[in-house]
N, C-alpha and C. Protein backbone atom coordinates (compact mmCIF):
# COMPACT_ATOMS: atom_id res chain seq x y z
N MET A 1 0.85 -1.18 0.00
CA MET A 1 0.00 0.00 0.00
C MET A 1 0.89 1.24 0.00
N PRO A 2 0.70 2.14 -0.93
CA PRO A 2 1.53 3.34 -0.98
C PRO A 2 1.21 4.27 0.19
N HIS A 3 2.23 5.05 0.58
CA HIS A 3 2.06 6.01 1.67
C HIS A 3 1.08 7.09 1.23
N GLN A 4 0.15 7.41 2.10
CA GLN A 4 -0.84 8.43 1.78
C GLN A 4 -0.97 9.36 2.97
N GLU A 5 -0.89 10.64 2.74
CA GLU A 5 -1.10 11.61 3.80
C GLU A 5 -2.60 11.73 4.07
N ILE A 6 -2.96 11.59 5.30
CA ILE A 6 -4.36 11.69 5.70
C ILE A 6 -4.51 12.93 6.58
N PRO A 7 -5.32 13.90 6.16
CA PRO A 7 -5.46 15.10 6.97
C PRO A 7 -6.16 14.80 8.29
N THR A 8 -5.60 15.29 9.38
CA THR A 8 -6.19 15.06 10.70
C THR A 8 -6.34 16.35 11.48
N GLY A 9 -6.12 17.47 10.83
CA GLY A 9 -6.19 18.74 11.54
C GLY A 9 -7.50 18.90 12.28
N GLY A 10 -7.44 19.53 13.43
CA GLY A 10 -8.65 19.84 14.16
C GLY A 10 -8.92 18.97 15.36
N LEU A 11 -8.29 17.80 15.50
CA LEU A 11 -8.61 16.97 16.65
C LEU A 11 -8.07 17.57 17.95
N ARG A 12 -6.96 18.27 17.89
CA ARG A 12 -6.50 18.95 19.11
C ARG A 12 -7.54 20.00 19.50
N THR A 13 -8.00 20.75 18.54
CA THR A 13 -9.04 21.75 18.79
C THR A 13 -10.31 21.08 19.29
N PHE A 14 -10.65 19.92 18.73
CA PHE A 14 -11.81 19.14 19.16
C PHE A 14 -11.70 18.82 20.65
N PHE A 15 -10.52 18.37 21.10
CA PHE A 15 -10.35 18.01 22.50
C PHE A 15 -10.23 19.23 23.41
N GLU A 16 -9.75 20.32 22.91
CA GLU A 16 -9.76 21.56 23.68
C GLU A 16 -11.21 22.01 23.90
N ARG A 17 -12.02 21.84 22.87
CA ARG A 17 -13.46 22.16 22.99
C ARG A 17 -14.13 21.19 23.96
N PHE A 18 -13.77 19.91 23.88
CA PHE A 18 -14.29 18.88 24.78
C PHE A 18 -14.05 19.29 26.23
N GLN A 19 -12.82 19.71 26.53
CA GLN A 19 -12.46 20.15 27.88
C GLN A 19 -13.23 21.41 28.26
N ALA A 20 -13.33 22.36 27.35
CA ALA A 20 -14.01 23.62 27.64
C ALA A 20 -15.51 23.42 27.89
N LEU A 21 -16.15 22.55 27.11
CA LEU A 21 -17.58 22.28 27.32
C LEU A 21 -17.83 21.62 28.67
N GLY A 22 -16.91 20.75 29.07
CA GLY A 22 -17.02 20.14 30.39
C GLY A 22 -16.89 21.17 31.49
N ALA A 23 -16.02 22.14 31.30
CA ALA A 23 -15.77 23.17 32.31
C ALA A 23 -16.99 24.06 32.53
N VAL A 24 -17.76 24.30 31.47
CA VAL A 24 -18.93 25.18 31.61
C VAL A 24 -20.23 24.40 31.75
N SER A 25 -20.11 23.09 31.91
CA SER A 25 -21.27 22.21 32.11
C SER A 25 -22.25 22.26 30.94
N ASP A 26 -21.75 22.34 29.72
CA ASP A 26 -22.60 22.29 28.54
C ASP A 26 -22.90 20.82 28.24
N ILE A 27 -23.93 20.30 28.87
CA ILE A 27 -24.25 18.87 28.78
C ILE A 27 -24.58 18.48 27.35
N GLU A 28 -25.41 19.24 26.69
CA GLU A 28 -25.80 18.93 25.30
C GLU A 28 -24.58 18.96 24.39
N GLY A 29 -23.78 20.01 24.51
CA GLY A 29 -22.60 20.14 23.66
C GLY A 29 -21.60 19.04 23.90
N LEU A 30 -21.38 18.70 25.16
CA LEU A 30 -20.42 17.65 25.50
C LEU A 30 -20.93 16.28 25.03
N ALA A 31 -22.19 15.99 25.28
CA ALA A 31 -22.76 14.70 24.84
C ALA A 31 -22.72 14.58 23.32
N ALA A 32 -22.89 15.69 22.61
CA ALA A 32 -22.89 15.67 21.15
C ALA A 32 -21.51 15.36 20.57
N MET A 33 -20.47 15.42 21.37
CA MET A 33 -19.13 15.11 20.88
C MET A 33 -18.91 13.60 20.80
N TYR A 34 -19.82 12.85 21.40
CA TYR A 34 -19.78 11.39 21.34
C TYR A 34 -20.70 10.90 20.23
N ALA A 35 -20.41 9.72 19.71
CA ALA A 35 -21.29 9.08 18.73
C ALA A 35 -22.61 8.73 19.43
N GLY A 36 -23.63 8.39 18.66
CA GLY A 36 -24.94 8.02 19.21
C GLY A 36 -24.85 6.92 20.25
N HIS A 37 -23.94 6.00 20.04
CA HIS A 37 -23.60 4.95 21.02
C HIS A 37 -22.08 4.92 21.09
N VAL A 38 -21.54 4.92 22.29
CA VAL A 38 -20.10 4.96 22.48
C VAL A 38 -19.69 3.84 23.43
N MET A 39 -18.54 3.24 23.17
CA MET A 39 -18.00 2.23 24.07
C MET A 39 -17.17 2.95 25.13
N ILE A 40 -17.52 2.75 26.39
CA ILE A 40 -16.77 3.30 27.51
C ILE A 40 -16.08 2.11 28.18
N ALA A 41 -14.77 2.16 28.27
CA ALA A 41 -14.01 1.05 28.85
C ALA A 41 -13.08 1.57 29.92
N GLY A 42 -12.92 0.77 30.95
CA GLY A 42 -12.04 1.14 32.05
C GLY A 42 -11.67 -0.06 32.88
N ALA A 43 -11.20 0.20 34.08
CA ALA A 43 -10.72 -0.86 34.97
C ALA A 43 -11.82 -1.86 35.32
N ASN A 44 -13.07 -1.44 35.29
CA ASN A 44 -14.19 -2.32 35.67
C ASN A 44 -14.87 -2.97 34.47
N GLY A 45 -14.29 -2.87 33.28
CA GLY A 45 -14.89 -3.49 32.10
C GLY A 45 -15.32 -2.45 31.09
N ALA A 46 -16.16 -2.89 30.17
CA ALA A 46 -16.61 -2.02 29.08
C ALA A 46 -18.13 -2.10 28.96
N GLN A 47 -18.69 -1.01 28.48
CA GLN A 47 -20.13 -0.98 28.22
C GLN A 47 -20.43 0.02 27.11
N VAL A 48 -21.51 -0.23 26.41
CA VAL A 48 -21.97 0.69 25.39
C VAL A 48 -22.94 1.66 26.06
N VAL A 49 -22.72 2.94 25.82
CA VAL A 49 -23.54 3.99 26.44
C VAL A 49 -24.23 4.77 25.33
N SER A 50 -25.52 4.97 25.48
CA SER A 50 -26.29 5.72 24.49
C SER A 50 -26.17 7.22 24.73
N PHE A 51 -26.57 7.99 23.74
CA PHE A 51 -26.56 9.44 23.86
C PHE A 51 -27.43 9.88 25.05
N ALA A 52 -28.61 9.28 25.20
CA ALA A 52 -29.51 9.64 26.30
C ALA A 52 -28.87 9.34 27.65
N ASP A 53 -28.21 8.19 27.76
CA ASP A 53 -27.54 7.85 29.01
C ASP A 53 -26.39 8.82 29.28
N MET A 54 -25.68 9.20 28.23
CA MET A 54 -24.57 10.14 28.38
C MET A 54 -25.08 11.47 28.93
N GLN A 55 -26.24 11.90 28.45
CA GLN A 55 -26.82 13.15 28.93
C GLN A 55 -27.18 13.08 30.41
N ARG A 56 -27.52 11.89 30.89
CA ARG A 56 -27.85 11.73 32.31
C ARG A 56 -26.59 11.62 33.18
N VAL A 57 -25.54 11.00 32.64
CA VAL A 57 -24.32 10.75 33.42
C VAL A 57 -23.46 12.00 33.56
N ILE A 58 -23.36 12.79 32.52
CA ILE A 58 -22.47 13.96 32.53
C ILE A 58 -22.77 14.91 33.69
N PRO A 59 -24.02 15.31 33.92
CA PRO A 59 -24.25 16.25 35.03
C PRO A 59 -23.99 15.61 36.41
N LYS A 60 -24.26 14.32 36.54
CA LYS A 60 -24.00 13.64 37.82
C LYS A 60 -22.50 13.62 38.11
N ARG A 61 -21.71 13.33 37.08
CA ARG A 61 -20.26 13.30 37.26
C ARG A 61 -19.73 14.70 37.59
N LYS A 62 -20.24 15.69 36.89
CA LYS A 62 -19.84 17.08 37.13
C LYS A 62 -20.19 17.49 38.57
N GLN A 63 -21.37 17.12 39.03
CA GLN A 63 -21.79 17.45 40.40
C GLN A 63 -20.89 16.76 41.42
N LEU A 64 -20.53 15.52 41.16
CA LEU A 64 -19.64 14.78 42.07
C LEU A 64 -18.27 15.44 42.15
N LEU A 65 -17.73 15.85 40.99
CA LEU A 65 -16.43 16.52 40.98
C LEU A 65 -16.49 17.87 41.70
N GLU A 66 -17.57 18.59 41.50
CA GLU A 66 -17.72 19.88 42.19
C GLU A 66 -17.82 19.68 43.70
N SER A 67 -18.49 18.60 44.12
CA SER A 67 -18.61 18.34 45.55
C SER A 67 -17.24 18.01 46.17
N ALA A 68 -16.31 17.56 45.34
CA ALA A 68 -14.94 17.27 45.80
C ALA A 68 -14.07 18.52 45.75
N GLY A 69 -14.64 19.64 45.29
CA GLY A 69 -13.89 20.90 45.25
C GLY A 69 -13.15 21.14 43.95
N CYS A 70 -13.63 20.55 42.85
CA CYS A 70 -12.97 20.74 41.56
C CYS A 70 -12.99 22.22 41.18
N GLN A 71 -11.80 22.76 40.93
CA GLN A 71 -11.65 24.17 40.55
C GLN A 71 -11.56 24.33 39.05
N ASP A 72 -10.81 23.44 38.40
CA ASP A 72 -10.68 23.51 36.95
C ASP A 72 -10.10 22.21 36.41
N THR A 73 -10.25 22.05 35.12
CA THR A 73 -9.71 20.90 34.40
C THR A 73 -8.98 21.43 33.18
N ALA A 74 -7.85 20.81 32.87
CA ALA A 74 -7.07 21.26 31.71
C ALA A 74 -6.59 20.06 30.90
N LEU A 75 -6.58 20.24 29.61
CA LEU A 75 -5.97 19.27 28.69
C LEU A 75 -4.48 19.57 28.71
N VAL A 76 -3.67 18.64 29.23
CA VAL A 76 -2.23 18.90 29.38
C VAL A 76 -1.37 18.00 28.50
N GLY A 77 -1.99 17.04 27.82
CA GLY A 77 -1.24 16.17 26.91
C GLY A 77 -2.13 15.75 25.77
N PHE A 78 -1.54 15.63 24.59
CA PHE A 78 -2.31 15.26 23.41
C PHE A 78 -1.39 14.59 22.39
N GLU A 79 -1.79 13.43 21.93
CA GLU A 79 -1.04 12.73 20.89
C GLU A 79 -2.04 11.99 20.01
N GLU A 80 -1.92 12.17 18.71
CA GLU A 80 -2.85 11.54 17.77
C GLU A 80 -2.11 10.55 16.88
N THR A 81 -2.73 9.39 16.69
CA THR A 81 -2.23 8.38 15.77
C THR A 81 -3.34 8.04 14.79
N VAL A 82 -3.08 8.20 13.51
CA VAL A 82 -4.07 7.87 12.50
C VAL A 82 -4.16 6.36 12.39
N LEU A 83 -5.37 5.83 12.51
CA LEU A 83 -5.60 4.40 12.38
C LEU A 83 -6.04 4.02 10.97
N SER A 84 -6.80 4.90 10.34
CA SER A 84 -7.29 4.67 8.98
C SER A 84 -7.70 6.03 8.42
N ASP A 85 -8.26 6.02 7.22
CA ASP A 85 -8.69 7.30 6.66
C ASP A 85 -9.90 7.87 7.40
N ARG A 86 -10.47 7.10 8.29
CA ARG A 86 -11.65 7.55 9.02
C ARG A 86 -11.42 7.70 10.53
N TYR A 87 -10.57 6.87 11.11
CA TYR A 87 -10.43 6.83 12.57
C TYR A 87 -9.04 7.24 13.03
N SER A 88 -9.01 7.90 14.19
CA SER A 88 -7.75 8.24 14.85
C SER A 88 -7.82 7.79 16.30
N LEU A 89 -6.66 7.39 16.79
CA LEU A 89 -6.49 7.11 18.21
C LEU A 89 -5.90 8.36 18.83
N VAL A 90 -6.54 8.85 19.87
CA VAL A 90 -6.04 10.04 20.56
C VAL A 90 -5.72 9.66 22.00
N ARG A 91 -4.50 9.94 22.39
CA ARG A 91 -4.09 9.77 23.79
C ARG A 91 -4.05 11.18 24.37
N ALA A 92 -4.88 11.39 25.37
CA ALA A 92 -4.98 12.71 25.99
C ALA A 92 -4.70 12.58 27.48
N GLU A 93 -4.22 13.65 28.05
CA GLU A 93 -3.98 13.69 29.48
C GLU A 93 -4.69 14.91 30.03
N PHE A 94 -5.50 14.69 31.06
CA PHE A 94 -6.25 15.77 31.68
C PHE A 94 -5.78 15.94 33.13
N ARG A 95 -5.76 17.19 33.57
CA ARG A 95 -5.36 17.52 34.93
C ARG A 95 -6.50 18.26 35.62
N TRP A 96 -6.88 17.77 36.80
CA TRP A 96 -7.92 18.38 37.61
C TRP A 96 -7.28 19.00 38.84
N HIS A 97 -7.71 20.21 39.19
CA HIS A 97 -7.27 20.87 40.42
C HIS A 97 -8.45 20.91 41.38
N PHE A 98 -8.19 20.49 42.61
CA PHE A 98 -9.23 20.46 43.63
C PHE A 98 -8.82 21.30 44.82
N LYS A 99 -9.82 21.91 45.46
CA LYS A 99 -9.59 22.63 46.71
C LYS A 99 -10.74 22.26 47.64
N ALA A 100 -10.42 21.52 48.68
CA ALA A 100 -11.43 21.07 49.62
C ALA A 100 -11.91 22.23 50.48
N ALA A 101 -13.04 22.03 51.15
CA ALA A 101 -13.60 23.06 52.01
C ALA A 101 -12.62 23.48 53.11
N ASN A 102 -11.73 22.56 53.53
CA ASN A 102 -10.75 22.88 54.56
C ASN A 102 -9.52 23.59 53.99
N GLY A 103 -9.52 23.87 52.69
CA GLY A 103 -8.42 24.59 52.05
C GLY A 103 -7.34 23.69 51.47
N GLN A 104 -7.40 22.39 51.77
CA GLN A 104 -6.41 21.47 51.23
C GLN A 104 -6.56 21.38 49.71
N GLN A 105 -5.42 21.44 49.02
CA GLN A 105 -5.43 21.37 47.55
C GLN A 105 -4.88 20.04 47.08
N ASP A 106 -5.38 19.59 45.94
CA ASP A 106 -4.94 18.33 45.37
C ASP A 106 -5.00 18.45 43.85
N THR A 107 -4.12 17.75 43.19
CA THR A 107 -4.09 17.72 41.72
C THR A 107 -4.09 16.26 41.29
N VAL A 108 -4.91 15.97 40.30
CA VAL A 108 -4.97 14.63 39.72
C VAL A 108 -4.73 14.77 38.22
N THR A 109 -3.75 14.03 37.71
CA THR A 109 -3.47 14.02 36.28
C THR A 109 -3.57 12.57 35.80
N LEU A 110 -4.44 12.35 34.81
CA LEU A 110 -4.68 10.99 34.33
C LEU A 110 -4.72 10.95 32.80
N PRO A 111 -4.20 9.86 32.23
CA PRO A 111 -4.29 9.67 30.79
C PRO A 111 -5.61 9.02 30.40
N SER A 112 -6.05 9.30 29.21
CA SER A 112 -7.22 8.66 28.61
C SER A 112 -6.90 8.39 27.15
N ALA A 113 -7.60 7.43 26.59
CA ALA A 113 -7.46 7.16 25.16
C ALA A 113 -8.84 7.21 24.53
N PHE A 114 -8.88 7.70 23.32
CA PHE A 114 -10.13 7.85 22.59
C PHE A 114 -9.93 7.35 21.16
N VAL A 115 -10.94 6.70 20.60
CA VAL A 115 -10.97 6.47 19.17
C VAL A 115 -12.01 7.45 18.64
N VAL A 116 -11.59 8.25 17.68
CA VAL A 116 -12.44 9.31 17.14
C VAL A 116 -12.74 9.01 15.68
N ASP A 117 -14.03 9.07 15.34
CA ASP A 117 -14.49 8.90 13.97
C ASP A 117 -14.48 10.27 13.31
N ARG A 118 -13.62 10.43 12.31
CA ARG A 118 -13.52 11.70 11.59
C ARG A 118 -14.30 11.67 10.27
N GLY A 119 -15.13 10.62 10.07
CA GLY A 119 -15.77 10.40 8.77
C GLY A 119 -16.99 11.23 8.46
N GLY A 120 -17.61 11.85 9.43
CA GLY A 120 -18.83 12.62 9.17
C GLY A 120 -18.56 14.10 9.02
N ASP A 121 -19.62 14.88 9.25
CA ASP A 121 -19.50 16.33 9.17
C ASP A 121 -18.61 16.88 10.28
N SER A 122 -18.62 16.20 11.43
CA SER A 122 -17.75 16.59 12.53
C SER A 122 -17.28 15.32 13.24
N PRO A 123 -16.15 15.40 13.92
CA PRO A 123 -15.63 14.21 14.61
C PRO A 123 -16.55 13.80 15.76
N HIS A 124 -16.53 12.50 16.06
CA HIS A 124 -17.28 11.97 17.20
C HIS A 124 -16.45 10.89 17.89
N ILE A 125 -16.50 10.89 19.20
CA ILE A 125 -15.81 9.86 19.98
C ILE A 125 -16.63 8.58 19.90
N VAL A 126 -15.99 7.48 19.49
CA VAL A 126 -16.68 6.19 19.42
C VAL A 126 -16.20 5.24 20.51
N LEU A 127 -15.03 5.52 21.08
CA LEU A 127 -14.51 4.71 22.18
C LEU A 127 -13.76 5.62 23.14
N TYR A 128 -14.06 5.47 24.42
CA TYR A 128 -13.39 6.22 25.48
C TYR A 128 -12.83 5.20 26.46
N LEU A 129 -11.51 5.21 26.61
CA LEU A 129 -10.83 4.28 27.51
C LEU A 129 -10.12 5.06 28.59
N ASN A 130 -10.51 4.82 29.83
CA ASN A 130 -9.80 5.44 30.95
C ASN A 130 -9.37 4.32 31.89
N GLU A 131 -8.07 4.14 32.00
CA GLU A 131 -7.55 3.10 32.87
C GLU A 131 -7.87 3.38 34.33
N ARG A 132 -7.83 4.65 34.69
CA ARG A 132 -8.17 5.07 36.05
C ARG A 132 -9.04 6.31 35.94
N ASP A 133 -10.17 6.27 36.59
CA ASP A 133 -11.11 7.37 36.57
C ASP A 133 -10.78 8.35 37.70
N VAL A 134 -10.94 9.63 37.43
CA VAL A 134 -10.62 10.66 38.42
C VAL A 134 -11.44 10.46 39.70
N VAL A 135 -12.68 10.02 39.58
CA VAL A 135 -13.52 9.80 40.76
C VAL A 135 -12.95 8.67 41.61
N SER A 136 -12.49 7.59 40.98
CA SER A 136 -11.88 6.48 41.72
C SER A 136 -10.62 6.93 42.44
N VAL A 137 -9.82 7.74 41.78
CA VAL A 137 -8.59 8.25 42.40
C VAL A 137 -8.95 9.11 43.61
N LEU A 138 -9.97 9.95 43.50
CA LEU A 138 -10.38 10.79 44.63
C LEU A 138 -10.89 9.95 45.79
N ARG A 139 -11.56 8.85 45.48
CA ARG A 139 -12.01 7.94 46.55
C ARG A 139 -10.81 7.29 47.23
N GLU A 140 -9.82 6.87 46.44
CA GLU A 140 -8.61 6.26 47.00
C GLU A 140 -7.88 7.23 47.92
N ARG A 141 -7.89 8.50 47.57
CA ARG A 141 -7.18 9.52 48.37
C ARG A 141 -8.01 10.02 49.55
N GLY A 142 -9.26 9.54 49.65
CA GLY A 142 -10.12 9.95 50.74
C GLY A 142 -10.80 11.28 50.55
N VAL A 143 -10.69 11.85 49.36
CA VAL A 143 -11.34 13.14 49.07
C VAL A 143 -12.84 12.92 48.92
N LEU A 144 -13.24 11.81 48.30
CA LEU A 144 -14.64 11.43 48.18
C LEU A 144 -14.88 10.18 49.02
N ALA A 145 -16.08 10.07 49.54
CA ALA A 145 -16.42 8.89 50.33
C ALA A 145 -16.46 7.64 49.44
N PRO A 146 -16.05 6.50 49.99
CA PRO A 146 -16.11 5.26 49.20
C PRO A 146 -17.56 4.90 48.87
N VAL A 147 -17.73 4.16 47.79
CA VAL A 147 -19.05 3.68 47.40
C VAL A 147 -19.45 2.58 48.37
N SER A 148 -20.67 2.69 48.89
CA SER A 148 -21.12 1.66 49.86
C SER A 148 -21.99 0.62 49.20
């Protein structure tokens, strides 16, 4: 197969927008960045999540992070690998800053991987892989109460 340049411009901007929409709690905008059904995979296994379910989960997760004192989130790492003329693998790293009610500060930086479909009018996340979830890390550190 001959070498072919595949344009991938815009995925960094896509993930900067992803982070920004999460920061302002734009549930509709954030959910729309995912495909109609997306595979979410992590330490506890994988599941397919629908757009409607994503709309319900996003605000709950945001509320949980805010209750832990989340001040801001930043995209601090980005690497894209073209998988085909339609799909890219994106390795991103996000950093969360927390400030508890007692003034104690904490920072959590975690990697995530995404498979992004670039084949339509706009990119959509079709797979989200997080080896460690920020909420689980906060529970391990005692910032959030353990799940009972």
